[in-house]
Amino acid sequence: MAISYNAPRSPELGPLLFSIYVYDLTGYLQRSAKYVMYADDCAIVVSAYSKEEVCSNLERVILTLHWWFRVNNLLMSHKKTHFLQIRNFFLCRQLWNVLYI
């Protein structure tokens, strides 16, 4: 498969163009997740008070990401994608977090 889209590779311009390119993704994620973006990296945090709600939100986020990548002619790097599950045992109601990097 030939690559027909590419951004210039420079320490200053590349991250800026990436940020501009993915800016609209943040609007789609606001309802289901929080996000942190730095240069060309993105971390997505899904949290809720029940495991079922986390799973539901995470599924919504993954479907949104899949759609967004397809519409924008991008591929997600599965080698660079990681999941991390964190539970806070000190809260009265357990807070479930899933960090999607």
Protein backbone atom coordinates (compact mmCIF):
# COMPACT_ATOMS: atom_id res chain seq x y z
CA MET A 1 0.00 0.00 0.00
CA ALA A 2 1.51 3.31 -1.08
CA ILE A 3 1.38 6.28 1.28
CA SER A 4 -0.23 9.24 -0.45
CA TYR A 5 -0.33 11.64 2.53
CA ASN A 6 2.66 12.82 4.51
CA ALA A 7 3.66 15.70 6.78
CA PRO A 8 7.06 17.37 6.64
CA ARG A 9 9.49 15.93 9.17
CA SER A 10 10.94 18.76 11.19
CA PRO A 11 11.25 19.15 14.95
CA GLU A 12 9.07 22.29 14.97
CA LEU A 13 6.65 21.90 12.09
CA GLY A 14 5.71 18.20 12.38
CA PRO A 15 4.10 18.36 15.87
CA LEU A 16 2.32 21.61 15.00
CA LEU A 17 0.81 20.16 11.81
CA PHE A 18 -0.17 17.00 13.70
CA SER A 19 -1.93 19.08 16.39
CA ILE A 20 -3.84 21.04 13.76
CA TYR A 21 -4.75 17.84 11.90
CA VAL A 22 -6.12 16.00 14.94
CA TYR A 23 -7.78 18.99 16.60
CA ASP A 24 -11.28 17.96 15.48
CA LEU A 25 -10.85 14.55 17.14
CA THR A 26 -11.04 16.24 20.55
CA GLY A 27 -14.61 17.34 19.86
CA TYR A 28 -15.70 13.77 19.23
CA LEU A 29 -14.07 12.48 22.43
CA GLN A 30 -15.38 15.10 24.88
CA ARG A 31 -18.57 13.20 25.75
CA SER A 32 -16.92 9.85 26.51
CA ALA A 33 -13.35 10.53 27.59
CA LYS A 34 -10.70 13.01 28.62
CA TYR A 35 -7.57 13.41 26.57
CA VAL A 36 -4.03 14.73 26.86
CA MET A 37 -2.10 15.68 23.75
CA TYR A 38 1.57 16.54 23.57
CA ALA A 39 3.38 17.02 20.27
CA ASP A 40 2.41 13.95 18.23
CA ASP A 41 1.25 11.78 21.15
CA CYS A 42 -2.25 11.41 22.52
CA ALA A 43 -3.44 9.80 25.75
CA ILE A 44 -7.15 9.11 26.24
CA VAL A 45 -8.58 8.54 29.71
CA VAL A 46 -11.93 6.82 30.24
CA SER A 47 -13.25 6.81 33.81
CA ALA A 48 -16.49 5.92 35.59
CA TYR A 49 -17.80 4.56 38.89
CA SER A 50 -18.69 1.12 37.52
CA LYS A 51 -16.86 -1.38 35.37
CA GLU A 52 -19.86 -1.64 33.06
CA GLU A 53 -19.90 2.13 32.48
CA VAL A 54 -16.16 2.13 31.74
CA CYS A 55 -16.61 -0.69 29.24
CA SER A 56 -19.48 1.15 27.57
CA ASN A 57 -17.53 4.43 27.35
CA LEU A 58 -14.40 2.64 26.16
CA GLU A 59 -16.34 0.88 23.42
CA ARG A 60 -17.78 4.25 22.34
CA VAL A 61 -14.28 5.78 22.27
CA ILE A 62 -12.82 2.90 20.25
CA LEU A 63 -15.65 3.07 17.70
CA THR A 64 -15.21 6.85 17.46
CA LEU A 65 -11.45 6.48 16.95
CA HIS A 66 -11.95 3.77 14.33
CA TRP A 67 -14.40 5.99 12.44
CA TRP A 68 -12.18 9.09 12.73
CA PHE A 69 -9.07 7.26 11.51
CA ARG A 70 -10.97 5.81 8.54
CA VAL A 71 -12.52 9.17 7.54
CA ASN A 72 -9.11 10.90 7.74
CA ASN A 73 -7.23 8.19 5.82
CA LEU A 74 -5.07 7.27 8.80
CA LEU A 75 -4.04 3.98 10.38
CA MET A 76 -3.67 3.45 14.11
CA SER A 77 -0.34 1.99 15.14
CA HIS A 78 -1.31 -1.08 17.16
CA LYS A 79 2.31 -1.50 18.26
CA LYS A 80 2.15 1.90 19.97
CA THR A 81 -1.33 1.46 21.47
CA HIS A 82 -1.57 0.40 25.11
CA PHE A 83 -4.31 -0.05 27.74
CA LEU A 84 -3.86 0.49 31.45
CA GLN A 85 -6.58 -0.23 34.01
CA ILE A 86 -6.44 1.57 37.37
CA ARG A 87 -8.80 1.18 40.34
CA ASN A 88 -8.85 3.52 43.30
CA PHE A 89 -9.46 1.40 46.41
CA PHE A 90 -9.60 4.44 48.71
CA LEU A 91 -12.84 5.86 47.34
CA CYS A 92 -16.15 4.74 48.81
CA ARG A 93 -17.31 3.96 45.31
CA GLN A 94 -14.55 2.48 43.19
CA LEU A 95 -13.47 4.71 40.35
CA TRP A 96 -12.46 2.75 37.28
CA ASN A 97 -9.99 4.36 34.89
CA VAL A 98 -8.78 3.04 31.60
CA LEU A 99 -5.90 4.90 30.02
CA TYR A 100 -5.78 4.48 26.26
CA ILE A 101 -2.46 5.62 24.86
